[in-house]
Amino acid sequence: MREKVILVCSQCLSRNYRATRQKYDKQNRLEVMKFCKKCNAHTLHKESK
C-alpha cells in the first residue's frame, strides 16, 4: 500500500508536488530535485510533515 505525500520547496516553501511512497519506509524523508515554478529554478523539494 502506498501513501500520498506533499513535496515542499526548500527555498520558497511552496507546496508544488504530490508523490507516493511505501508506507513501511518511514525512516527517511523523500528528497528530490524538482523544478519550482515560483522560484523558476531547480531546487530541493522535501517531504512535508
N, C-alpha and C. Protein backbone atom coordinates (compact mmCIF):
# COMPACT_ATOMS: atom_id res chain seq x y z
N MET A 1 0.85 -1.18 0.00
CA MET A 1 0.00 0.00 0.00
C MET A 1 0.90 1.24 0.00
N ARG A 2 0.57 2.20 -0.82
CA ARG A 2 1.36 3.43 -0.91
C ARG A 2 0.59 4.57 -0.29
N GLU A 3 1.31 5.53 0.26
CA GLU A 3 0.66 6.71 0.85
C GLU A 3 1.07 7.95 0.08
N LYS A 4 0.19 8.94 0.06
CA LYS A 4 0.45 10.18 -0.65
C LYS A 4 1.20 11.14 0.26
N VAL A 5 2.19 11.83 -0.30
CA VAL A 5 2.95 12.84 0.45
C VAL A 5 3.03 14.11 -0.39
N ILE A 6 3.23 15.23 0.27
CA ILE A 6 3.35 16.52 -0.39
C ILE A 6 4.80 16.97 -0.33
N LEU A 7 5.32 17.46 -1.46
CA LEU A 7 6.70 17.93 -1.52
C LEU A 7 6.73 19.45 -1.42
N VAL A 8 7.64 19.97 -0.58
CA VAL A 8 7.75 21.40 -0.31
C VAL A 8 9.10 21.90 -0.80
N CYS A 9 9.10 23.03 -1.48
CA CYS A 9 10.34 23.65 -1.95
C CYS A 9 11.14 24.14 -0.75
N SER A 10 12.44 23.88 -0.75
CA SER A 10 13.28 24.29 0.37
C SER A 10 13.62 25.78 0.32
N GLN A 11 13.47 26.42 -0.85
CA GLN A 11 13.77 27.84 -0.99
C GLN A 11 12.58 28.73 -0.61
N CYS A 12 11.46 28.55 -1.30
CA CYS A 12 10.31 29.45 -1.11
C CYS A 12 9.20 28.82 -0.27
N LEU A 13 9.34 27.55 0.11
CA LEU A 13 8.38 26.82 0.95
C LEU A 13 7.00 26.65 0.32
N SER A 14 6.92 26.71 -1.01
CA SER A 14 5.64 26.46 -1.66
C SER A 14 5.45 24.95 -1.85
N ARG A 15 4.22 24.52 -1.76
CA ARG A 15 3.88 23.11 -1.91
C ARG A 15 3.50 22.87 -3.36
N ASN A 16 4.45 22.34 -4.14
CA ASN A 16 4.27 22.24 -5.58
C ASN A 16 3.85 20.86 -6.06
N TYR A 17 4.35 19.81 -5.45
CA TYR A 17 4.20 18.47 -5.99
C TYR A 17 3.59 17.52 -4.98
N ARG A 18 2.93 16.47 -5.53
CA ARG A 18 2.46 15.35 -4.73
C ARG A 18 3.16 14.11 -5.23
N ALA A 19 3.49 13.21 -4.32
CA ALA A 19 4.16 11.98 -4.69
C ALA A 19 3.61 10.85 -3.83
N THR A 20 3.96 9.62 -4.18
CA THR A 20 3.56 8.47 -3.37
C THR A 20 4.81 7.75 -2.90
N ARG A 21 4.68 7.07 -1.78
CA ARG A 21 5.80 6.30 -1.24
C ARG A 21 5.26 5.11 -0.48
N GLN A 22 6.14 4.16 -0.21
CA GLN A 22 5.74 2.97 0.53
C GLN A 22 5.47 3.32 1.99
N LYS A 23 4.46 2.71 2.59
CA LYS A 23 4.10 3.02 3.97
C LYS A 23 5.15 2.53 4.97
N TYR A 24 5.81 1.41 4.66
CA TYR A 24 6.76 0.85 5.62
C TYR A 24 8.08 1.59 5.66
N ASP A 25 8.37 2.48 4.72
CA ASP A 25 9.64 3.20 4.67
C ASP A 25 9.47 4.60 5.27
N LYS A 26 9.29 4.67 6.58
CA LYS A 26 9.04 5.94 7.25
C LYS A 26 10.30 6.54 7.87
N GLN A 27 11.44 5.85 7.84
CA GLN A 27 12.64 6.36 8.48
C GLN A 27 13.24 7.54 7.71
N ASN A 28 13.20 7.48 6.40
CA ASN A 28 13.81 8.52 5.58
C ASN A 28 12.74 9.36 4.90
N ARG A 29 12.92 10.67 4.92
CA ARG A 29 12.02 11.56 4.20
C ARG A 29 12.45 11.65 2.76
N LEU A 30 11.48 11.79 1.89
CA LEU A 30 11.74 11.87 0.47
C LEU A 30 12.33 13.23 0.12
N GLU A 31 13.44 13.24 -0.62
CA GLU A 31 14.10 14.47 -1.07
C GLU A 31 14.41 14.33 -2.55
N VAL A 32 13.91 15.27 -3.35
CA VAL A 32 14.06 15.19 -4.80
C VAL A 32 14.36 16.58 -5.35
N MET A 33 15.23 16.66 -6.36
CA MET A 33 15.45 17.91 -7.06
C MET A 33 14.34 18.06 -8.10
N LYS A 34 13.54 19.13 -7.97
CA LYS A 34 12.42 19.37 -8.86
C LYS A 34 12.44 20.83 -9.30
N PHE A 35 11.72 21.13 -10.37
CA PHE A 35 11.60 22.50 -10.85
C PHE A 35 10.49 23.20 -10.09
N CYS A 36 10.80 24.35 -9.50
CA CYS A 36 9.82 25.16 -8.78
C CYS A 36 9.38 26.30 -9.69
N LYS A 37 8.08 26.39 -9.94
CA LYS A 37 7.55 27.44 -10.82
C LYS A 37 7.67 28.81 -10.18
N LYS A 38 7.58 28.86 -8.87
CA LYS A 38 7.66 30.14 -8.17
C LYS A 38 9.10 30.68 -8.16
N CYS A 39 10.07 29.82 -7.92
CA CYS A 39 11.49 30.22 -7.91
C CYS A 39 12.07 30.28 -9.33
N ASN A 40 11.44 29.58 -10.26
CA ASN A 40 11.90 29.48 -11.64
C ASN A 40 13.29 28.85 -11.72
N ALA A 41 13.51 27.81 -10.90
CA ALA A 41 14.78 27.11 -10.88
C ALA A 41 14.58 25.70 -10.32
N HIS A 42 15.58 24.84 -10.53
CA HIS A 42 15.56 23.52 -9.93
C HIS A 42 16.04 23.65 -8.48
N THR A 43 15.21 23.23 -7.54
CA THR A 43 15.55 23.31 -6.12
C THR A 43 15.25 21.97 -5.46
N LEU A 44 15.75 21.84 -4.26
CA LEU A 44 15.50 20.62 -3.47
C LEU A 44 14.10 20.69 -2.89
N HIS A 45 13.32 19.64 -3.12
CA HIS A 45 11.98 19.53 -2.57
C HIS A 45 11.99 18.39 -1.55
N LYS A 46 11.45 18.66 -0.36
CA LYS A 46 11.43 17.68 0.72
C LYS A 46 10.00 17.32 1.07
N GLU A 47 9.84 16.15 1.62
CA GLU A 47 8.52 15.69 2.06
C GLU A 47 8.08 16.51 3.28
N SER A 48 6.84 16.97 3.26
CA SER A 48 6.33 17.76 4.39
C SER A 48 5.83 16.83 5.48
N LYS A 49 5.62 17.38 6.66
CA LYS A 49 5.14 16.58 7.79
C LYS A 49 3.68 16.28 7.66
